[in-house]
Amino acid sequence: IPDSAKDADGYWYGDYYGVLAFGVNKAVVQNAPKDWADLQKPEYANSVALAGDPRSSNNAVMSVYAAGLAAGGTGGQDAAAK
């Protein structure tokens, strides 16, 4: 737990964290991706799905957001500047 999430005495409290992870069906995908860039490899073609519709699912929209950040995006700041 990072120090930034603790009080002066080292106590911390967690309520809800939206942590993203890759879920892999090892019966279909033998070599699990290690990072977002791996998902662009041909071996993962037609093997990636979102947990919902990004227009209505927070999990799905955060997955799209995280992929954009991993690809060098700035969280919308670059698009707003254009």
C-alpha atoms as a PDB file:
ATOM      1  CA  ILE A   1       0.000   0.000   0.000  1.00  0.00           C
ATOM      2  CA  PRO A   2       1.620   3.264  -1.053  1.00  0.00           C
ATOM      3  CA  ASP A   3       2.386   5.859   1.618  1.00  0.00           C
ATOM      4  CA  SER A   4       0.189   8.363  -0.210  1.00  0.00           C
ATOM      5  CA  ALA A   5      -2.829   6.231   0.780  1.00  0.00           C
ATOM      6  CA  LYS A   6      -1.913   6.145   4.490  1.00  0.00           C
ATOM      7  CA  ASP A   7      -2.393   8.646   7.288  1.00  0.00           C
ATOM      8  CA  ALA A   8       0.468   9.986   9.439  1.00  0.00           C
ATOM      9  CA  ASP A   9       0.336   6.875  11.680  1.00  0.00           C
ATOM     10  CA  GLY A  10       0.459   4.459   8.746  1.00  0.00           C
ATOM     11  CA  TYR A  11      -3.208   3.504   8.890  1.00  0.00           C
ATOM     12  CA  TRP A  12      -5.136   3.168   5.681  1.00  0.00           C
ATOM     13  CA  TYR A  13      -8.655   2.522   4.538  1.00  0.00           C
ATOM     14  CA  GLY A  14      -9.881   1.172   1.236  1.00  0.00           C
ATOM     15  CA  ASP A  15     -13.473   1.325   0.143  1.00  0.00           C
ATOM     16  CA  TYR A  16     -13.548   0.693  -3.585  1.00  0.00           C
ATOM     17  CA  TYR A  17     -10.774   0.514  -6.100  1.00  0.00           C
ATOM     18  CA  GLY A  18     -11.350   0.047  -9.809  1.00  0.00           C
ATOM     19  CA  VAL A  19      -8.328  -2.124 -10.496  1.00  0.00           C
ATOM     20  CA  LEU A  20      -8.060  -3.454 -14.037  1.00  0.00           C
ATOM     21  CA  ALA A  21      -6.612  -6.851 -14.842  1.00  0.00           C
ATOM     22  CA  PHE A  22      -6.372  -9.128 -17.828  1.00  0.00           C
ATOM     23  CA  GLY A  23      -8.636 -12.144 -17.510  1.00  0.00           C
ATOM     24  CA  VAL A  24      -7.344 -14.996 -19.657  1.00  0.00           C
ATOM     25  CA  ASN A  25      -9.048 -18.228 -20.693  1.00  0.00           C
ATOM     26  CA  LYS A  26      -5.971 -20.466 -20.772  1.00  0.00           C
ATOM     27  CA  ALA A  27      -7.897 -23.107 -22.725  1.00  0.00           C
ATOM     28  CA  VAL A  28      -8.045 -20.634 -25.633  1.00  0.00           C
ATOM     29  CA  VAL A  29      -5.032 -18.346 -25.108  1.00  0.00           C
ATOM     30  CA  GLN A  30      -1.893 -20.257 -24.202  1.00  0.00           C
ATOM     31  CA  ASN A  31       0.448 -17.281 -23.714  1.00  0.00           C
ATOM     32  CA  ALA A  32      -1.178 -14.628 -21.500  1.00  0.00           C
ATOM     33  CA  PRO A  33      -0.482 -10.973 -22.377  1.00  0.00           C
ATOM     34  CA  LYS A  34       1.814  -9.186 -19.947  1.00  0.00           C
ATOM     35  CA  ASP A  35       0.884  -5.588 -20.869  1.00  0.00           C
ATOM     36  CA  TRP A  36      -1.372  -3.526 -23.116  1.00  0.00           C
ATOM     37  CA  ALA A  37       1.133  -3.534 -25.980  1.00  0.00           C
ATOM     38  CA  ASP A  38       0.964  -7.338 -26.090  1.00  0.00           C
ATOM     39  CA  LEU A  39      -2.690  -7.096 -27.142  1.00  0.00           C
ATOM     40  CA  GLN A  40      -1.574  -5.666 -30.489  1.00  0.00           C
ATOM     41  CA  LYS A  41       0.318  -8.847 -31.386  1.00  0.00           C
ATOM     42  CA  PRO A  42      -1.210 -11.033 -34.116  1.00  0.00           C
ATOM     43  CA  GLU A  43      -1.518 -13.965 -31.693  1.00  0.00           C
ATOM     44  CA  TYR A  44      -4.255 -12.054 -29.824  1.00  0.00           C
ATOM     45  CA  ALA A  45      -6.306 -11.149 -32.907  1.00  0.00           C
ATOM     46  CA  ASN A  46      -9.994 -11.912 -32.290  1.00  0.00           C
ATOM     47  CA  SER A  47      -9.185 -12.834 -28.674  1.00  0.00           C
ATOM     48  CA  VAL A  48      -9.852  -9.584 -26.797  1.00  0.00           C
ATOM     49  CA  ALA A  49     -13.183  -8.524 -25.294  1.00  0.00           C
ATOM     50  CA  LEU A  50     -14.465  -5.865 -22.943  1.00  0.00           C
ATOM     51  CA  ALA A  51     -16.598  -6.515 -19.879  1.00  0.00           C
ATOM     52  CA  GLY A  52     -19.544  -4.546 -21.216  1.00  0.00           C
ATOM     53  CA  ASP A  53     -20.305  -1.648 -23.533  1.00  0.00           C
ATOM     54  CA  PRO A  54     -18.042   1.396 -22.948  1.00  0.00           C
ATOM     55  CA  ARG A  55     -21.031   3.683 -23.496  1.00  0.00           C
ATOM     56  CA  SER A  56     -22.767   2.312 -20.397  1.00  0.00           C
ATOM     57  CA  SER A  57     -20.290   0.199 -18.388  1.00  0.00           C
ATOM     58  CA  ASN A  58     -17.744   1.909 -16.158  1.00  0.00           C
ATOM     59  CA  ASN A  59     -15.506  -1.179 -16.265  1.00  0.00           C
ATOM     60  CA  ALA A  60     -15.513  -1.134 -20.064  1.00  0.00           C
ATOM     61  CA  VAL A  61     -14.936   2.604 -20.426  1.00  0.00           C
ATOM     62  CA  MET A  62     -12.049   2.463 -17.937  1.00  0.00           C
ATOM     63  CA  SER A  63     -10.540  -0.396 -19.958  1.00  0.00           C
ATOM     64  CA  VAL A  64     -10.662   1.771 -23.086  1.00  0.00           C
ATOM     65  CA  TYR A  65      -9.207   4.692 -21.105  1.00  0.00           C
ATOM     66  CA  ALA A  66      -6.368   2.542 -19.723  1.00  0.00           C
ATOM     67  CA  ALA A  67      -5.558   1.187 -23.174  1.00  0.00           C
ATOM     68  CA  GLY A  68      -5.401   4.745 -24.491  1.00  0.00           C
ATOM     69  CA  LEU A  69      -3.038   5.814 -21.705  1.00  0.00           C
ATOM     70  CA  ALA A  70      -0.854   2.750 -22.346  1.00  0.00           C
ATOM     71  CA  ALA A  71      -0.698   3.723 -26.031  1.00  0.00           C
ATOM     72  CA  GLY A  72       0.635   7.170 -25.142  1.00  0.00           C
ATOM     73  CA  GLY A  73      -2.585   9.137 -24.734  1.00  0.00           C
ATOM     74  CA  THR A  74      -2.902  11.794 -22.061  1.00  0.00           C
ATOM     75  CA  GLY A  75      -6.409  11.174 -20.802  1.00  0.00           C
ATOM     76  CA  GLY A  76      -8.127  13.548 -23.183  1.00  0.00           C
ATOM     77  CA  GLN A  77      -5.779  16.488 -22.727  1.00  0.00           C
ATOM     78  CA  ASP A  78      -4.224  15.963 -26.163  1.00  0.00           C
ATOM     79  CA  ALA A  79      -7.602  15.809 -27.895  1.00  0.00           C
ATOM     80  CA  ALA A  80      -8.818  18.934 -26.102  1.00  0.00           C
ATOM     81  CA  ALA A  81      -5.787  20.889 -27.288  1.00  0.00           C
ATOM     82  CA  LYS A  82      -6.548  20.205 -30.983  1.00  0.00           C
END
